Amino acid sequence: MKIKEKEFDAIVDQLRSIADQLGATVRFEKGDFKGGYCILKSNKVIVINKLANSQRRAVILATALRELGVEDVYLPPKLREVIQEMGDAT
């Protein structure tokens, strides 16, 4: 799947919305890390480096959503494909 650079911001927003539906909090923090999914005091959290570009943010979110499990959630086919392909890119 070919995604244009300007489309990544919209994809990140859509992926954040799905994370909210799954009960996960998405946080953008500064630090020396890439980011990913974790459980913090029984809360689902996806942490993303604040300095990451939109494409990297989308990859981190897609990977985290695959870990959370999106099989039982309705997703538009294009977004499901994005999660599948980007989740493999890590």
N, C-alpha and C. Protein backbone atom coordinates (compact mmCIF):
# COMPACT_ATOMS: atom_id res chain seq x y z
N MET A 1 0.84 -1.18 0.00
CA MET A 1 0.00 0.00 0.00
C MET A 1 0.88 1.24 0.00
N LYS A 2 0.61 2.13 -0.88
CA LYS A 2 1.37 3.38 -0.99
C LYS A 2 0.57 4.49 -0.29
N ILE A 3 1.19 5.12 0.68
CA ILE A 3 0.54 6.21 1.42
C ILE A 3 1.36 7.47 1.23
N LYS A 4 0.67 8.55 0.88
CA LYS A 4 1.34 9.83 0.70
C LYS A 4 1.65 10.44 2.06
N GLU A 5 2.71 11.21 2.12
CA GLU A 5 3.16 11.81 3.38
C GLU A 5 2.07 12.63 4.06
N LYS A 6 1.29 13.36 3.28
CA LYS A 6 0.26 14.22 3.88
C LYS A 6 -0.92 13.43 4.43
N GLU A 7 -1.04 12.15 4.09
CA GLU A 7 -2.13 11.32 4.59
C GLU A 7 -1.86 10.75 5.98
N PHE A 8 -0.60 10.77 6.41
CA PHE A 8 -0.25 10.16 7.69
C PHE A 8 -0.91 10.83 8.89
N ASP A 9 -1.08 12.17 8.86
CA ASP A 9 -1.72 12.85 9.98
C ASP A 9 -3.15 12.35 10.17
N ALA A 10 -3.89 12.18 9.07
CA ALA A 10 -5.26 11.68 9.15
C ALA A 10 -5.28 10.24 9.65
N ILE A 11 -4.33 9.44 9.21
CA ILE A 11 -4.25 8.04 9.66
C ILE A 11 -3.96 7.99 11.15
N VAL A 12 -3.06 8.83 11.62
CA VAL A 12 -2.74 8.88 13.05
C VAL A 12 -4.00 9.23 13.84
N ASP A 13 -4.77 10.19 13.37
CA ASP A 13 -6.01 10.56 14.06
C ASP A 13 -6.99 9.39 14.11
N GLN A 14 -7.13 8.68 13.01
CA GLN A 14 -8.03 7.53 12.97
C GLN A 14 -7.56 6.42 13.90
N LEU A 15 -6.26 6.18 13.92
CA LEU A 15 -5.71 5.15 14.80
C LEU A 15 -5.87 5.53 16.27
N ARG A 16 -5.72 6.80 16.58
CA ARG A 16 -5.94 7.28 17.96
C ARG A 16 -7.39 7.05 18.38
N SER A 17 -8.31 7.27 17.47
CA SER A 17 -9.72 7.06 17.74
C SER A 17 -10.00 5.58 18.06
N ILE A 18 -9.38 4.70 17.32
CA ILE A 18 -9.55 3.27 17.56
C ILE A 18 -8.96 2.90 18.93
N ALA A 19 -7.81 3.47 19.24
CA ALA A 19 -7.19 3.21 20.55
C ALA A 19 -8.15 3.64 21.67
N ASP A 20 -8.81 4.79 21.50
CA ASP A 20 -9.79 5.25 22.49
C ASP A 20 -10.93 4.24 22.63
N GLN A 21 -11.41 3.72 21.50
CA GLN A 21 -12.50 2.73 21.53
C GLN A 21 -12.08 1.48 22.30
N LEU A 22 -10.81 1.13 22.22
CA LEU A 22 -10.29 -0.06 22.90
C LEU A 22 -9.89 0.23 24.35
N GLY A 23 -10.10 1.46 24.80
CA GLY A 23 -9.80 1.81 26.18
C GLY A 23 -8.34 2.11 26.46
N ALA A 24 -7.59 2.42 25.41
CA ALA A 24 -6.17 2.75 25.58
C ALA A 24 -5.97 4.26 25.51
N THR A 25 -5.09 4.76 26.33
CA THR A 25 -4.73 6.18 26.32
C THR A 25 -3.49 6.35 25.45
N VAL A 26 -3.52 7.33 24.57
CA VAL A 26 -2.35 7.63 23.73
C VAL A 26 -1.68 8.86 24.32
N ARG A 27 -0.38 8.71 24.62
CA ARG A 27 0.38 9.83 25.20
C ARG A 27 1.59 10.12 24.33
N PHE A 28 1.84 11.41 24.12
CA PHE A 28 3.02 11.86 23.39
C PHE A 28 3.97 12.47 24.42
N GLU A 29 5.14 11.86 24.57
CA GLU A 29 6.10 12.28 25.58
C GLU A 29 7.47 12.50 24.96
N LYS A 30 8.27 13.35 25.60
CA LYS A 30 9.66 13.55 25.18
C LYS A 30 10.53 12.52 25.88
N GLY A 31 11.56 12.09 25.19
CA GLY A 31 12.48 11.15 25.82
C GLY A 31 13.31 10.42 24.79
N ASP A 32 14.13 9.53 25.28
CA ASP A 32 15.02 8.75 24.43
C ASP A 32 14.41 7.36 24.23
N PHE A 33 13.30 7.30 23.49
CA PHE A 33 12.61 6.05 23.22
C PHE A 33 11.81 6.19 21.93
N LYS A 34 11.40 5.07 21.38
CA LYS A 34 10.59 5.08 20.16
C LYS A 34 9.10 5.11 20.51
N GLY A 35 8.71 4.26 21.42
CA GLY A 35 7.32 4.22 21.84
C GLY A 35 6.73 2.84 21.68
N GLY A 36 5.51 2.68 22.19
CA GLY A 36 4.83 1.41 22.08
C GLY A 36 3.73 1.28 23.11
N TYR A 37 3.20 0.06 23.20
CA TYR A 37 2.08 -0.25 24.08
C TYR A 37 2.60 -0.82 25.39
N CYS A 38 1.96 -0.40 26.50
CA CYS A 38 2.29 -0.96 27.80
C CYS A 38 1.08 -0.85 28.70
N ILE A 39 1.17 -1.52 29.84
CA ILE A 39 0.12 -1.42 30.85
C ILE A 39 0.75 -0.73 32.05
N LEU A 40 0.14 0.37 32.46
CA LEU A 40 0.66 1.18 33.54
C LEU A 40 -0.41 1.27 34.63
N LYS A 41 -0.17 0.63 35.75
CA LYS A 41 -1.13 0.58 36.85
C LYS A 41 -2.51 0.15 36.36
N SER A 42 -2.55 -0.92 35.62
CA SER A 42 -3.74 -1.56 35.04
C SER A 42 -4.44 -0.70 33.97
N ASN A 43 -3.79 0.34 33.50
CA ASN A 43 -4.32 1.15 32.40
C ASN A 43 -3.55 0.85 31.12
N LYS A 44 -4.28 0.71 30.02
CA LYS A 44 -3.64 0.50 28.72
C LYS A 44 -3.12 1.84 28.22
N VAL A 45 -1.83 1.90 27.90
CA VAL A 45 -1.22 3.15 27.47
C VAL A 45 -0.37 2.89 26.23
N ILE A 46 -0.50 3.78 25.25
CA ILE A 46 0.37 3.77 24.09
C ILE A 46 1.18 5.05 24.17
N VAL A 47 2.49 4.90 24.31
CA VAL A 47 3.38 6.06 24.45
C VAL A 47 4.13 6.24 23.14
N ILE A 48 4.13 7.47 22.65
CA ILE A 48 4.80 7.80 21.39
C ILE A 48 5.74 8.96 21.64
N ASN A 49 6.93 8.86 21.08
CA ASN A 49 7.88 9.96 21.21
C ASN A 49 7.32 11.20 20.53
N LYS A 50 7.28 12.28 21.26
CA LYS A 50 6.73 13.54 20.78
C LYS A 50 7.46 14.05 19.54
N LEU A 51 8.73 13.69 19.39
CA LEU A 51 9.53 14.18 18.28
C LEU A 51 9.44 13.30 17.03
N ALA A 52 8.70 12.20 17.11
CA ALA A 52 8.56 11.29 15.96
C ALA A 52 7.73 11.95 14.86
N ASN A 53 8.07 11.64 13.61
CA ASN A 53 7.28 12.18 12.50
C ASN A 53 5.96 11.40 12.39
N SER A 54 5.06 11.88 11.55
CA SER A 54 3.73 11.29 11.41
C SER A 54 3.78 9.83 10.97
N GLN A 55 4.69 9.51 10.08
CA GLN A 55 4.79 8.13 9.61
C GLN A 55 5.19 7.20 10.76
N ARG A 56 6.18 7.61 11.54
CA ARG A 56 6.63 6.79 12.68
C ARG A 56 5.51 6.66 13.71
N ARG A 57 4.77 7.75 13.95
CA ARG A 57 3.65 7.69 14.88
C ARG A 57 2.61 6.68 14.42
N ALA A 58 2.31 6.68 13.12
CA ALA A 58 1.34 5.74 12.57
C ALA A 58 1.82 4.30 12.74
N VAL A 59 3.10 4.05 12.51
CA VAL A 59 3.65 2.70 12.66
C VAL A 59 3.55 2.24 14.12
N ILE A 60 3.89 3.10 15.05
CA ILE A 60 3.83 2.76 16.48
C ILE A 60 2.39 2.47 16.88
N LEU A 61 1.46 3.32 16.46
CA LEU A 61 0.05 3.10 16.79
C LEU A 61 -0.48 1.81 16.17
N ALA A 62 -0.14 1.56 14.92
CA ALA A 62 -0.61 0.34 14.25
C ALA A 62 -0.10 -0.90 14.96
N THR A 63 1.17 -0.89 15.34
CA THR A 63 1.75 -2.02 16.06
C THR A 63 1.06 -2.22 17.41
N ALA A 64 0.84 -1.13 18.12
CA ALA A 64 0.19 -1.21 19.42
C ALA A 64 -1.24 -1.72 19.29
N LEU A 65 -1.95 -1.28 18.26
CA LEU A 65 -3.33 -1.73 18.07
C LEU A 65 -3.38 -3.21 17.74
N ARG A 66 -2.40 -3.69 17.00
CA ARG A 66 -2.34 -5.14 16.73
C ARG A 66 -2.12 -5.90 18.03
N GLU A 67 -1.30 -5.36 18.92
CA GLU A 67 -1.08 -6.01 20.22
C GLU A 67 -2.34 -6.00 21.07
N LEU A 68 -3.09 -4.90 20.99
CA LEU A 68 -4.34 -4.80 21.75
C LEU A 68 -5.42 -5.72 21.19
N GLY A 69 -5.36 -5.96 19.89
CA GLY A 69 -6.34 -6.83 19.24
C GLY A 69 -7.50 -6.05 18.64
N VAL A 70 -7.51 -5.94 17.34
CA VAL A 70 -8.57 -5.21 16.64
C VAL A 70 -9.46 -6.15 15.82
N GLU A 71 -9.33 -7.45 16.05
CA GLU A 71 -10.07 -8.42 15.26
C GLU A 71 -11.58 -8.26 15.43
N ASP A 72 -12.03 -7.92 16.63
CA ASP A 72 -13.46 -7.84 16.91
C ASP A 72 -14.02 -6.43 16.80
N VAL A 73 -13.23 -5.49 16.30
CA VAL A 73 -13.66 -4.10 16.15
C VAL A 73 -13.89 -3.82 14.68
N TYR A 74 -15.01 -3.12 14.37
CA TYR A 74 -15.23 -2.77 12.97
C TYR A 74 -14.23 -1.69 12.57
N LEU A 75 -13.54 -1.94 11.47
CA LEU A 75 -12.62 -0.97 10.88
C LEU A 75 -12.89 -0.90 9.40
N PRO A 76 -12.83 0.28 8.82
CA PRO A 76 -12.92 0.36 7.36
C PRO A 76 -11.80 -0.49 6.75
N PRO A 77 -12.06 -1.15 5.63
CA PRO A 77 -11.05 -2.04 5.04
C PRO A 77 -9.69 -1.38 4.84
N LYS A 78 -9.66 -0.12 4.41
CA LYS A 78 -8.38 0.55 4.19
C LYS A 78 -7.61 0.69 5.50
N LEU A 79 -8.31 1.03 6.57
CA LEU A 79 -7.64 1.20 7.86
C LEU A 79 -7.16 -0.14 8.41
N ARG A 80 -7.92 -1.19 8.19
CA ARG A 80 -7.49 -2.53 8.62
C ARG A 80 -6.21 -2.92 7.87
N GLU A 81 -6.15 -2.58 6.58
CA GLU A 81 -4.96 -2.86 5.78
C GLU A 81 -3.76 -2.06 6.29
N VAL A 82 -4.00 -0.80 6.65
CA VAL A 82 -2.93 0.04 7.20
C VAL A 82 -2.38 -0.59 8.47
N ILE A 83 -3.26 -1.02 9.37
CA ILE A 83 -2.82 -1.61 10.63
C ILE A 83 -2.03 -2.89 10.35
N GLN A 84 -2.51 -3.69 9.43
CA GLN A 84 -1.83 -4.95 9.12
C GLN A 84 -0.43 -4.69 8.55
N GLU A 85 -0.34 -3.80 7.56
CA GLU A 85 0.95 -3.56 6.90
C GLU A 85 1.92 -2.78 7.78
N MET A 86 1.44 -1.74 8.44
CA MET A 86 2.33 -0.94 9.27
C MET A 86 2.75 -1.70 10.52
N GLY A 87 1.87 -2.53 11.02
CA GLY A 87 2.21 -3.34 12.20
C GLY A 87 3.33 -4.32 11.89
N ASP A 88 3.47 -4.69 10.61
CA ASP A 88 4.56 -5.57 10.21
C ASP A 88 5.86 -4.81 9.97
N ALA A 89 5.80 -3.48 9.93
CA ALA A 89 6.96 -2.66 9.57
C ALA A 89 7.93 -2.42 10.72
N THR A 90 7.60 -2.87 11.91
CA THR A 90 8.47 -2.57 13.06
C THR A 90 9.66 -3.44 13.15
